[in-house]
Structure formats: C-alpha cells, structure tokens
C-alpha cells in the first residue's frame, strides 16, 4: 500500500528589519540628522536650550511604537486630526439628492467607484476612473477543506498555487487579486441545504421531516459563510490590448473576461467551485450587508434593497479605533506577523472557525513583475548578508534572527530562479458587532483565535473608515 502524500508546508518570510541605516527609515534618518545638527549647534553655543528638541527628534526617529517608528505615526495622527477638524469623520447620505445610477454611493475616496455591466454577460464590473481599473467579483463554494485527507489537501494546495500563477502570467494587465472569507447574519443556509438534499419521496407529513424542520426552525442567530474572489485589470498597463479589442470599457471588459475565464477554469483543481460572477443585485446586497448587516436576513428573502445607487450606507461615523455604520460597529485589524514556523494550507483555520463572531478575512495580492521581483530578491540577499555581518561585528556573535532573514532571502531567490512567481500580499481582519460592547467581546475572541493561528493582528488606528472598504469589500484596494 502506497504511503499517503505529505501535506506541503511553507514558512512565511519574516518582515525585514533592515532600514536605510542601523534599521532606521528615511523619516527616522531625517529626524536623527536634524538632531545631530542641533547637537553641533548646541555644543558650539549657536543654539542654546535646544536639548529637549534634540531628545524629541531622536525619540521620534528611533523609538518604535506599536511596531513602527514614532515619526511614522505623524501622518496617521495628522490625517485623523485634520479630518476631525474638517468634520470629515462623519458621513450622512443626502436623501434630498438623487444618487446617479451606477454609483455605489460609498463614503470617502471610494465614492469615485462606478459599476458598469459587461457587454457579453450580466456581470457587474467595478470601475475606478481615477486609477483606471476594472474589477470583477466571483462567489465560490467549497467543501470543508479541514476535513479533507492528505491527498486532497495536496491537490488543493497545488491547484491554488497554479491559479495564482496563471493570473501572474497576465502581470501586464491583472494588477490585484483579493480573497474574502466572511460570516454574515443569515439563518437560511441550513434550511436551504436541507430543502436541496431532502428526498422528494419523503412526504411532508413524515415525522422525520417534521423533526428536522422543527430543529432548523429553532436555529436562530446563525452566521452564514461566504467566500469571494475578485480580480482587477489595470487598464492603463493594458492600453494596447484594450485598443485591439475595441477600446474603452467595452475592450477592457472583454480583456478582463479572458482572465475571468482562466480563473474560473483553474479553481476546481483547488477544491473551489465557481458559483457565479456577481451581477448588479448581488453586488448591491454585498455592499448593503457590510454597512447594514442587521437587514441581511430580511433582504435575502426579499427582492427589495438590491439597487446599486441605494446600496451605500445612510451614515458612517469614524472613530480612532473603530467605525460605526447603519446597524453595526466595525474594527479593522492588519495581520502584521504571519506564522514563523512552517505551516500547511489550513494554518488560519482557528481564525476562520471563530464561533459566534461576524468577521471578514481578506487577503489582497499584488503580482510583482518578474524582472522587478528578481532584482528585489537579489537586493534582499545582499542586504540581509550585509545586515548579518554588521550586527555580528557590533555584537560579537551571530543573531539567529539574522540567520533566518538570510535563509529567507536565499529561499526567495531560489524559488524565482526555478520559475516561481511572486506576489506582495496584505492581510486584513474586519470584526463586526451590533453594539460597541459586543464588538469588544468579538475582538477579544478574534485576537485569541489569531494567537492560536500564530498570527499577530493590530488595529489600524486612525484609518478605520478607509480600511473598512479595503477589508470588507472585494474591490482590491489597499496598496495605494
């Protein structure tokens, strides 16, 4: 009997600690340089009494706060204070003014997003006229991967790698890929599944059927799982191809359709079943479910509430560490540290199956052009080795963490040499609850689950309203 295949494991590369000089960023170097000039002026007597300023500049450039230098918080704090002073932290829909058809009516910089319909289908494409991008959203279904045997897990892992690699081959046009796995209030999924699989030969008067229906009727407050994949076409980079296909949004839609077909055809190998590309009604319900989740069960059973120009929020209030919308409070986290040890495909499962929490787990991928990826990997190898020798000379011993960074850099370069493709990626977790107290409790559960999954999540302070759109909606934002 042949041995069962081993599920492949991978280790996430550590975030580089190297900076411009001695681990300092450019902003930190500027602060330290100004402090050095002031020290010289103080010593020479040209700027007496500036010792406090020197200390503040050194602290701003060199002291880390929540994983980043103090000076790096200045734009975030400044932006939030400016929005607060300008009263831009509160958004209220103008009910006395009609909203344009095709406008998603979202707050902030997402207000520019429009929706166009693909000429050859009913797929709703999200168009960003400023960045010249076109996005399509696919709903997928899947079986419980955590219960799959080793053979199936190996095939799923290879299939998903092949799907991402296939999209990376279109790196001149596909500029973003995003996956979202979310839970939302529902309660109809079990009932729909029972109706779908129940034998038509079982009479409605059967005691067994009555027992199942009674059990399902008592299941209130359920959370449904939904999985989405979106891909984005960079119309500026693909201008030549779009012109060959007729130009404009019609040509862009046709070019994006080719990548949509490629993606849908490769997903079954990853254990994913394409359901359908979202149309206007589904996209409107998706947007509504983010800002007004309390109404999701009612809207799922009705035909109202599915107009795009009315799907946006009626009101949004941004706070420093959370954001309040129509019927919910949200808090957005960024995954700042991924598992340090080698992990398999189910590494984030503790975070996915968190019980009783409404949340969205979003991963945004940005394909890196092969030439730039190779150049960056070579530079990373040189910088990691330089950092190792510099730290060894200063400390007198080799820090194991420096060794790990060198190994990661070499492994990255080796993978690219063997034909691998590279993505930059961003992980976001959005937690939703009906009250602020419930949000605090849900966030505690999510942080415990993140610890079990060996990842670190941090609140995106001062950027909650902006990244609610990034993390909860499949519009492939987040790297701008």
Protein backbone atom coordinates (compact mmCIF):
# COMPACT_ATOMS: atom_id res chain seq x y z
CA UNK A 1 0.00 0.00 0.00
CA UNK A 2 1.42 3.37 -1.04
CA UNK A 3 2.14 5.87 1.67
CA UNK A 4 -0.20 8.86 1.90
CA UNK A 5 1.33 12.03 0.46
CA UNK A 6 2.70 14.57 2.86
CA UNK A 7 0.83 17.86 3.05
CA UNK A 8 3.31 20.56 1.94
CA UNK A 9 4.31 23.17 4.47
CA UNK A 10 5.68 26.65 3.90
CA UNK A 11 7.15 29.29 6.12
CA UNK A 12 6.28 32.94 5.72
CA UNK A 13 9.32 35.15 5.32
CA UNK A 14 9.97 37.46 8.24
CA UNK A 15 9.42 41.15 7.71
CA UNK A 16 12.83 42.68 7.07
CA UNK A 17 14.23 44.73 9.92
CA UNK A 18 16.77 46.42 7.70
CA UNK A 19 16.41 50.14 7.14
CA UNK A 20 18.38 52.83 5.39
CA UNK A 21 21.00 52.83 8.15
CA UNK A 22 21.02 51.00 11.50
CA UNK A 23 17.44 49.91 10.94
CA UNK A 24 16.15 53.49 10.57
CA UNK A 25 13.71 54.51 7.83
CA UNK A 26 14.17 57.60 5.68
CA UNK A 27 11.92 59.62 8.01
CA UNK A 28 13.86 58.37 11.02
CA UNK A 29 17.15 59.28 9.34
CA UNK A 30 15.90 62.82 8.72
CA UNK A 31 14.93 63.20 12.40
CA UNK A 32 18.28 61.88 13.61
CA UNK A 33 20.17 64.07 11.10
CA UNK A 34 18.35 67.20 12.28
CA UNK A 35 19.07 66.20 15.88
CA UNK A 36 22.78 65.80 15.03
CA UNK A 37 22.87 69.30 13.51
CA UNK A 38 21.18 70.74 16.61
CA UNK A 39 23.69 68.94 18.87
CA UNK A 40 26.52 70.58 16.92
CA UNK A 41 24.86 73.98 17.26
CA UNK A 42 24.27 73.46 20.99
CA UNK A 43 27.89 72.45 21.55
CA UNK A 44 29.19 75.47 19.62
CA UNK A 45 26.85 77.78 21.50
CA UNK A 46 24.76 78.84 18.48
CA UNK A 47 21.54 77.18 19.68
CA UNK A 48 21.43 77.09 23.48
CA UNK A 49 18.50 75.46 25.23
CA UNK A 50 17.64 73.03 22.39
CA UNK A 51 18.38 69.85 24.34
CA UNK A 52 14.69 68.99 24.67
CA UNK A 53 14.18 69.37 20.91
CA UNK A 54 17.13 67.05 20.27
CA UNK A 55 15.69 64.42 22.59
CA UNK A 56 12.27 64.64 20.92
CA UNK A 57 13.77 64.28 17.43
CA UNK A 58 15.87 61.26 18.42
CA UNK A 59 12.86 59.61 20.07
CA UNK A 60 10.67 60.33 17.03
CA UNK A 61 13.18 58.78 14.66
CA UNK A 62 14.41 55.79 16.69
CA UNK A 63 11.75 54.78 19.25
CA UNK A 64 9.22 52.21 17.93
CA UNK A 65 5.56 52.43 18.96
CA UNK A 66 3.26 49.51 18.09
CA UNK A 67 5.68 48.16 15.52
CA UNK A 68 6.59 51.39 13.73
CA UNK A 69 8.79 54.40 14.46
CA UNK A 70 7.14 57.27 16.27
CA UNK A 71 7.70 59.55 13.29
CA UNK A 72 5.70 57.16 11.10
CA UNK A 73 2.61 57.85 13.22
CA UNK A 74 2.69 61.57 12.43
CA UNK A 75 0.89 61.29 9.03
CA UNK A 76 -1.73 58.96 10.55
CA UNK A 77 -2.42 61.17 13.59
CA UNK A 78 -2.23 64.30 11.45
CA UNK A 79 -4.66 62.94 8.87
CA UNK A 80 -7.16 61.86 11.51
CA UNK A 81 -6.95 65.19 13.37
CA UNK A 82 -7.40 67.07 10.10
CA UNK A 83 -10.47 65.01 9.19
CA UNK A 84 -11.86 65.58 12.67
CA UNK A 85 -11.30 69.33 12.49
CA UNK A 86 -12.82 69.45 8.99
CA UNK A 87 -15.78 67.32 10.17
CA UNK A 88 -14.99 64.62 7.66
CA UNK A 89 -15.22 61.76 10.14
CA UNK A 90 -19.00 61.77 9.83
CA UNK A 91 -20.79 60.83 6.61
CA UNK A 92 -24.54 61.22 6.11
CA UNK A 93 -26.32 60.30 2.90
CA UNK A 94 -28.10 63.16 1.16
CA UNK A 95 -31.67 61.92 0.94
CA UNK A 96 -32.80 65.09 -0.82
CA UNK A 97 -30.48 64.49 -3.77
CA UNK A 98 -30.87 61.53 -6.15
CA UNK A 99 -27.83 59.30 -6.49
CA UNK A 100 -26.55 58.66 -10.02
CA UNK A 101 -27.33 55.26 -11.47
CA UNK A 102 -24.25 53.02 -11.38
CA UNK A 103 -22.76 54.88 -8.43
CA UNK A 104 -22.03 52.74 -5.36
CA UNK A 105 -22.51 55.79 -3.09
CA UNK A 106 -19.69 54.87 -0.74
CA UNK A 107 -18.06 57.35 1.66
CA UNK A 108 -14.52 58.70 1.43
CA UNK A 109 -12.24 58.11 -1.53
CA UNK A 110 -14.35 55.07 -2.52
CA UNK A 111 -17.07 57.50 -3.68
CA UNK A 112 -15.43 57.56 -7.12
CA UNK A 113 -16.20 53.89 -7.78
CA UNK A 114 -18.72 53.18 -10.54
CA UNK A 115 -20.37 50.00 -11.81
CA UNK A 116 -20.58 49.01 -15.46
CA UNK A 117 -22.17 45.90 -16.93
CA UNK A 118 -20.08 43.57 -19.07
CA UNK A 119 -21.47 43.68 -22.65
CA UNK A 120 -21.49 39.91 -23.10
CA UNK A 121 -22.92 38.99 -19.68
CA UNK A 122 -24.76 40.34 -16.66
CA UNK A 123 -21.57 40.63 -14.61
CA UNK A 124 -21.23 43.90 -12.70
CA UNK A 125 -17.72 45.33 -13.03
CA UNK A 126 -16.46 47.90 -10.53
CA UNK A 127 -14.71 50.73 -12.37
CA UNK A 128 -12.25 53.11 -10.72
CA UNK A 129 -11.96 56.01 -13.21
CA UNK A 130 -9.08 57.65 -11.32
CA UNK A 131 -6.79 54.60 -11.23
CA UNK A 132 -8.27 53.21 -14.47
CA UNK A 133 -9.03 49.79 -13.05
CA UNK A 134 -11.82 47.29 -13.63
CA UNK A 135 -12.76 44.65 -11.04
CA UNK A 136 -14.92 41.51 -11.25
CA UNK A 137 -16.12 39.56 -8.19
CA UNK A 138 -16.69 35.79 -8.15
CA UNK A 139 -18.62 33.92 -5.47
CA UNK A 140 -17.21 30.44 -4.83
CA UNK A 141 -18.29 27.45 -2.79
CA UNK A 142 -16.15 24.74 -1.29
CA UNK A 143 -16.23 21.67 0.88
CA UNK A 144 -14.72 21.54 4.33
CA UNK A 145 -11.02 21.53 3.49
CA UNK A 146 -10.04 20.93 7.11
CA UNK A 147 -11.75 17.50 6.97
CA UNK A 148 -10.11 16.52 3.67
CA UNK A 149 -7.49 13.80 3.61
CA UNK A 150 -3.84 14.45 2.86
CA UNK A 151 -4.17 13.64 -0.84
CA UNK A 152 -6.97 16.18 -1.33
CA UNK A 153 -5.09 18.82 0.64
CA UNK A 154 -2.02 18.36 -1.56
CA UNK A 155 -4.15 18.73 -4.70
CA UNK A 156 -5.89 21.82 -3.30
CA UNK A 157 -2.58 23.40 -2.43
CA UNK A 158 -1.17 22.75 -5.90
CA UNK A 159 -4.39 23.93 -7.54
CA UNK A 160 -4.45 27.25 -5.71
CA UNK A 161 -0.76 27.83 -6.45
CA UNK A 162 -1.46 27.13 -10.13
CA UNK A 163 -4.44 29.51 -10.11
CA UNK A 164 -2.36 32.36 -8.68
CA UNK A 165 0.49 31.52 -11.06
CA UNK A 166 -1.91 31.63 -14.00
CA UNK A 167 -3.04 35.11 -13.08
CA UNK A 168 0.54 36.27 -12.55
CA UNK A 169 1.27 35.42 -16.18
CA UNK A 170 -1.06 38.29 -17.00
CA UNK A 171 1.05 40.66 -14.90
CA UNK A 172 0.85 43.30 -17.63
CA UNK A 173 -2.89 43.59 -17.04
CA UNK A 174 -4.03 41.85 -13.82
CA UNK A 175 -2.75 44.05 -11.03
CA UNK A 176 -4.70 42.79 -7.99
CA UNK A 177 -6.29 39.60 -6.67
CA UNK A 178 -8.35 39.50 -3.48
CA UNK A 179 -9.94 36.72 -1.47
CA UNK A 180 -12.56 37.29 1.23
CA UNK A 181 -13.94 34.67 3.60
CA UNK A 182 -16.66 36.22 5.72
CA UNK A 183 -19.53 35.41 8.03
CA UNK A 184 -22.77 37.35 7.99
CA UNK A 185 -26.15 37.07 9.71
CA UNK A 186 -28.38 34.68 7.85
CA UNK A 187 -30.02 31.57 9.14
CA UNK A 188 -31.29 30.22 5.84
CA UNK A 189 -28.25 28.23 4.73
CA UNK A 190 -29.08 25.08 6.70
CA UNK A 191 -32.72 25.23 5.69
CA UNK A 192 -31.78 25.70 2.03
CA UNK A 193 -29.34 22.80 2.23
CA UNK A 194 -31.98 20.55 3.78
CA UNK A 195 -34.50 21.51 1.10
CA UNK A 196 -31.93 20.83 -1.62
CA UNK A 197 -30.80 17.41 -0.38
CA UNK A 198 -34.09 16.12 1.12
CA UNK A 199 -35.51 13.27 -0.90
CA UNK A 200 -38.72 14.22 -2.71
CA UNK A 201 -40.03 10.78 -1.77
CA UNK A 202 -40.15 11.79 1.90
CA UNK A 203 -43.69 13.05 2.47
CA UNK A 204 -44.29 16.39 4.16
CA UNK A 205 -46.22 14.53 6.89
CA UNK A 206 -43.23 12.37 7.80
CA UNK A 207 -42.18 12.56 11.45
CA UNK A 208 -38.53 12.55 10.45
CA UNK A 209 -39.03 15.51 8.14
CA UNK A 210 -41.07 17.32 10.79
CA UNK A 211 -38.31 16.73 13.36
CA UNK A 212 -35.64 18.18 11.04
CA UNK A 213 -37.77 21.18 10.15
CA UNK A 214 -38.52 21.81 13.82
CA UNK A 215 -34.82 21.62 14.65
CA UNK A 216 -33.92 24.05 11.87
CA UNK A 217 -36.67 26.45 12.91
CA UNK A 218 -35.08 26.70 16.33
CA UNK A 219 -31.71 27.60 14.89
CA UNK A 220 -31.79 31.38 15.20
CA UNK A 221 -28.91 33.80 15.06
CA UNK A 222 -26.85 31.67 12.71
CA UNK A 223 -23.89 33.01 10.78
CA UNK A 224 -23.50 32.08 7.13
CA UNK A 225 -20.11 31.69 5.49
CA UNK A 226 -19.43 33.27 2.12
CA UNK A 227 -16.26 33.18 0.02
CA UNK A 228 -15.40 35.69 -2.70
CA UNK A 229 -12.52 36.09 -5.16
CA UNK A 230 -12.01 39.29 -7.14
CA UNK A 231 -9.52 40.19 -9.85
CA UNK A 232 -8.64 43.65 -11.14
CA UNK A 233 -7.50 44.73 -14.59
CA UNK A 234 -5.11 47.68 -14.88
CA UNK A 235 -6.48 49.41 -17.97
CA UNK A 236 -3.51 51.78 -18.17
CA UNK A 237 -0.98 48.94 -18.46
CA UNK A 238 -3.16 47.02 -20.90
CA UNK A 239 -3.96 50.03 -23.10
CA UNK A 240 -2.57 48.43 -26.27
CA UNK A 241 -4.52 45.20 -25.80
CA UNK A 242 -7.70 47.11 -24.97
CA UNK A 243 -7.40 49.19 -28.15
CA UNK A 244 -7.06 45.99 -30.17
CA UNK A 245 -10.34 44.79 -28.64
CA UNK A 246 -12.31 47.93 -29.46
CA UNK A 247 -11.09 50.33 -26.80
CA UNK A 248 -12.82 51.87 -23.80
CA UNK A 249 -14.71 49.98 -21.13
CA UNK A 250 -16.03 47.51 -23.71
CA UNK A 251 -12.50 46.49 -24.68
CA UNK A 252 -11.43 46.40 -21.04
CA UNK A 253 -14.40 44.20 -20.17
CA UNK A 254 -13.51 41.79 -22.96
CA UNK A 255 -9.87 41.59 -21.86
CA UNK A 256 -10.87 41.11 -18.22
CA UNK A 257 -13.30 38.40 -19.35
CA UNK A 258 -10.37 36.31 -20.61
CA UNK A 259 -8.75 36.38 -17.17
CA UNK A 260 -12.13 35.64 -15.58
CA UNK A 261 -12.44 32.55 -17.74
CA UNK A 262 -8.88 31.48 -16.87
CA UNK A 263 -9.53 31.87 -13.15
CA UNK A 264 -12.87 30.04 -13.18
CA UNK A 265 -11.34 27.15 -15.10
CA UNK A 266 -8.44 26.70 -12.67
CA UNK A 267 -10.39 26.88 -9.39
CA UNK A 268 -11.82 23.32 -9.39
CA UNK A 269 -8.28 21.99 -9.09
CA UNK A 270 -8.02 23.97 -5.84
CA UNK A 271 -11.21 22.42 -4.44
CA UNK A 272 -13.27 25.55 -5.20
CA UNK A 273 -16.47 25.56 -7.22
CA UNK A 274 -17.26 28.83 -9.05
CA UNK A 275 -20.83 29.84 -8.24
CA UNK A 276 -21.30 32.96 -10.34
CA UNK A 277 -19.77 36.32 -11.14
CA UNK A 278 -21.75 38.90 -9.18
CA UNK A 279 -24.32 40.98 -11.02
CA UNK A 280 -25.88 44.29 -10.00
CA UNK A 281 -28.33 42.83 -7.48
CA UNK A 282 -25.74 40.59 -5.79
CA UNK A 283 -23.19 43.41 -5.62
CA UNK A 284 -25.76 45.77 -4.12
CA UNK A 285 -26.68 43.21 -1.47
CA UNK A 286 -22.99 42.67 -0.74
CA UNK A 287 -22.40 46.37 -0.12
CA UNK A 288 -25.56 46.63 1.97
CA UNK A 289 -24.53 43.64 4.10
CA UNK A 290 -21.29 45.38 5.12
CA UNK A 291 -22.86 48.63 6.31
CA UNK A 292 -26.26 47.32 7.43
CA UNK A 293 -25.80 43.65 8.41
CA UNK A 294 -28.90 43.65 10.60
CA UNK A 295 -31.08 43.74 7.48
CA UNK A 296 -29.33 40.86 5.67
CA UNK A 297 -31.79 38.08 6.66
CA UNK A 298 -34.75 40.20 5.57
CA UNK A 299 -33.14 41.27 2.30
CA UNK A 300 -32.11 37.73 1.40
CA UNK A 301 -35.75 36.67 1.49
CA UNK A 302 -37.00 39.71 -0.48
CA UNK A 303 -36.41 41.40 -3.80
CA UNK A 304 -36.07 44.92 -2.42
CA UNK A 305 -32.83 46.58 -1.32
CA UNK A 306 -30.84 45.46 -4.36
CA UNK A 307 -30.39 48.71 -6.25
CA UNK A 308 -26.78 49.80 -6.57
CA UNK A 309 -27.34 53.52 -6.21
CA UNK A 310 -29.15 52.90 -2.89
CA UNK A 311 -26.85 50.21 -1.52
CA UNK A 312 -24.41 52.57 0.20
CA UNK A 313 -24.64 53.50 3.89
CA UNK A 314 -27.05 56.07 5.26
CA UNK A 315 -24.49 57.13 7.83
CA UNK A 316 -20.88 56.43 8.85
CA UNK A 317 -19.07 57.77 11.93
CA UNK A 318 -15.32 57.20 12.10
CA UNK A 319 -13.57 56.85 15.45
CA UNK A 320 -9.88 56.35 16.08
CA UNK A 321 -10.09 52.58 16.69
CA UNK A 322 -13.49 51.65 15.22
CA UNK A 323 -16.16 52.83 12.82
CA UNK A 324 -19.93 52.96 13.26
CA UNK A 325 -22.31 52.35 10.35
CA UNK A 326 -26.07 51.95 9.87
CA UNK A 327 -26.63 48.99 12.20
CA UNK A 328 -23.17 47.84 13.28
CA UNK A 329 -19.80 48.69 14.76
CA UNK A 330 -16.63 47.55 12.98
CA UNK A 331 -12.94 47.28 13.85
CA UNK A 332 -10.30 46.57 11.21
CA UNK A 333 -7.06 44.75 12.00
CA UNK A 334 -3.97 44.23 9.89
CA UNK A 335 -2.05 40.97 10.02
CA UNK A 336 1.43 42.23 10.89
CA UNK A 337 3.09 38.88 11.65
CA UNK A 338 2.40 35.56 9.94
CA UNK A 339 3.34 32.14 11.42
CA UNK A 340 7.07 31.85 11.96
CA UNK A 341 7.26 28.07 11.72
CA UNK A 342 6.44 26.04 8.59
CA UNK A 343 2.66 25.67 8.26
CA UNK A 344 0.27 23.89 5.92
CA UNK A 345 -2.71 25.17 3.89
CA UNK A 346 -5.01 25.14 6.95
CA UNK A 347 -2.83 27.45 9.05
CA UNK A 348 -5.52 30.12 9.51
CA UNK A 349 -8.28 27.66 10.35
CA UNK A 350 -8.59 28.73 14.06
CA UNK A 351 -9.29 32.25 12.83
CA UNK A 352 -11.79 31.11 10.20
CA UNK A 353 -13.94 28.99 12.53
CA UNK A 354 -14.17 31.50 15.38
CA UNK A 355 -17.58 30.77 16.88
CA UNK A 356 -20.27 33.43 17.18
CA UNK A 357 -18.25 36.23 15.57
CA UNK A 358 -19.21 38.16 12.46
CA UNK A 359 -15.97 38.90 10.63
CA UNK A 360 -14.27 39.16 7.25
CA UNK A 361 -10.80 37.77 6.50
CA UNK A 362 -9.34 39.44 3.46
CA UNK A 363 -6.10 38.74 1.61
CA UNK A 364 -5.06 41.11 -1.16
CA UNK A 365 -2.39 40.00 -3.63
CA UNK A 366 -0.38 42.22 -5.95
CA UNK A 367 1.56 40.41 -8.72
CA UNK A 368 5.16 41.52 -8.89
CA UNK A 369 6.67 41.72 -12.42
CA UNK A 370 9.31 39.04 -12.87
CA UNK A 371 12.15 41.45 -13.64
CA UNK A 372 11.41 43.67 -10.65
CA UNK A 373 10.87 40.63 -8.44
CA UNK A 374 14.25 39.17 -9.38
CA UNK A 375 16.02 42.48 -8.81
CA UNK A 376 14.32 42.93 -5.44
CA UNK A 377 15.24 39.37 -4.36
CA UNK A 378 18.90 39.88 -5.26
CA UNK A 379 18.98 43.15 -3.33
CA UNK A 380 17.33 41.45 -0.36
CA UNK A 381 20.04 38.74 -0.31
CA UNK A 382 22.82 41.33 -0.37
CA UNK A 383 21.15 43.48 2.30
CA UNK A 384 20.42 40.51 4.59
CA UNK A 385 24.04 39.31 4.43
CA UNK A 386 25.30 42.84 4.99
CA UNK A 387 23.00 43.22 7.99
CA UNK A 388 24.21 39.89 9.41
CA UNK A 389 27.90 40.86 9.14
CA UNK A 390 27.24 44.34 10.52
CA UNK A 391 25.35 43.01 13.55
CA UNK A 392 27.92 40.25 14.14
CA UNK A 393 30.72 42.82 14.16
CA UNK A 394 28.85 45.07 16.58
CA UNK A 395 27.65 42.34 18.97
CA UNK A 396 30.42 39.79 18.66
CA UNK A 397 28.03 36.91 17.89
CA UNK A 398 25.55 35.93 15.19
CA UNK A 399 21.91 36.60 16.00
CA UNK A 400 19.73 33.62 14.93
CA UNK A 401 17.16 36.10 13.65
CA UNK A 402 19.72 37.48 11.20
CA UNK A 403 20.44 33.92 10.04
CA UNK A 404 16.72 33.36 9.42
CA UNK A 405 16.47 36.52 7.31
CA UNK A 406 19.42 35.42 5.18
CA UNK A 407 17.85 31.98 4.67
CA UNK A 408 14.51 33.58 3.71
CA UNK A 409 16.21 35.85 1.19
CA UNK A 410 18.14 32.93 -0.36
CA UNK A 411 15.00 30.78 -0.49
CA UNK A 412 13.10 33.55 -2.23
CA UNK A 413 15.80 33.96 -4.87
CA UNK A 414 15.98 30.19 -5.42
CA UNK A 415 12.20 29.96 -5.94
CA UNK A 416 12.30 32.73 -8.55
CA UNK A 417 15.22 31.03 -10.29
CA UNK A 418 13.12 27.84 -10.58
CA UNK A 419 10.31 29.72 -12.32
CA UNK A 420 8.13 30.76 -9.40
CA UNK A 421 6.08 33.97 -9.47
CA UNK A 422 5.83 36.41 -6.62
CA UNK A 423 3.00 38.36 -5.03
CA UNK A 424 3.02 41.11 -2.46
CA UNK A 425 0.16 40.44 -0.08
CA UNK A 426 -1.80 42.20 2.63
CA UNK A 427 -3.95 40.53 5.29
CA UNK A 428 -6.88 42.31 6.96
CA UNK A 429 -9.45 41.12 9.51
CA UNK A 430 -12.67 43.10 9.95
CA UNK A 431 -14.76 42.37 13.05
CA UNK A 432 -18.43 43.41 13.14
CA UNK A 433 -20.93 43.54 16.02
CA UNK A 434 -24.29 45.23 16.72
CA UNK A 435 -23.04 47.20 19.76
CA UNK A 436 -19.73 48.59 20.96
CA UNK A 437 -19.74 46.23 23.95
CA UNK A 438 -20.36 43.24 21.68
CA UNK A 439 -17.58 44.48 19.37
CA UNK A 440 -15.12 44.46 22.26
CA UNK A 441 -16.05 40.88 23.14
CA UNK A 442 -15.86 39.74 19.50
CA UNK A 443 -12.46 41.38 19.08
CA UNK A 444 -11.21 39.53 22.15
CA UNK A 445 -12.28 36.21 20.58
CA UNK A 446 -10.64 37.12 17.28
CA UNK A 447 -7.37 38.02 18.99
CA UNK A 448 -7.40 34.70 20.86
CA UNK A 449 -8.07 32.86 17.59
CA UNK A 450 -5.27 34.79 15.90
CA UNK A 451 -2.88 33.72 18.65
CA UNK A 452 -3.98 30.10 18.12
CA UNK A 453 -3.25 30.52 14.40
CA UNK A 454 0.17 32.02 15.30
CA UNK A 455 -0.51 35.34 13.61
CA UNK A 456 -0.37 38.82 15.08
CA UNK A 457 -3.11 41.34 14.34
CA UNK A 458 -3.04 45.04 15.16
CA UNK A 459 -5.73 47.69 15.00
CA UNK A 460 -5.38 50.10 12.08
CA UNK A 461 -5.74 53.12 14.33
CA UNK A 462 -6.81 56.35 12.65
CA UNK A 463 -7.60 54.57 9.37
CA UNK A 464 -10.75 52.62 10.21
CA UNK A 465 -13.23 54.11 7.72
CA UNK A 466 -10.80 53.85 4.81
CA UNK A 467 -9.83 50.25 5.51
CA UNK A 468 -13.37 49.09 6.21
CA UNK A 469 -13.82 49.36 2.44
CA UNK A 470 -10.44 47.68 1.91
CA UNK A 471 -11.04 44.73 4.20
CA UNK A 472 -14.78 44.08 3.95
CA UNK A 473 -15.50 44.79 0.27
CA UNK A 474 -13.87 42.85 -2.61
CA UNK A 475 -12.68 45.88 -4.55
CA UNK A 476 -8.92 45.02 -4.34
CA UNK A 477 -7.87 48.23 -2.62
CA UNK A 478 -5.15 48.57 0.00
CA UNK A 479 -1.75 49.06 -1.65
CA UNK A 480 -2.30 52.68 -2.67
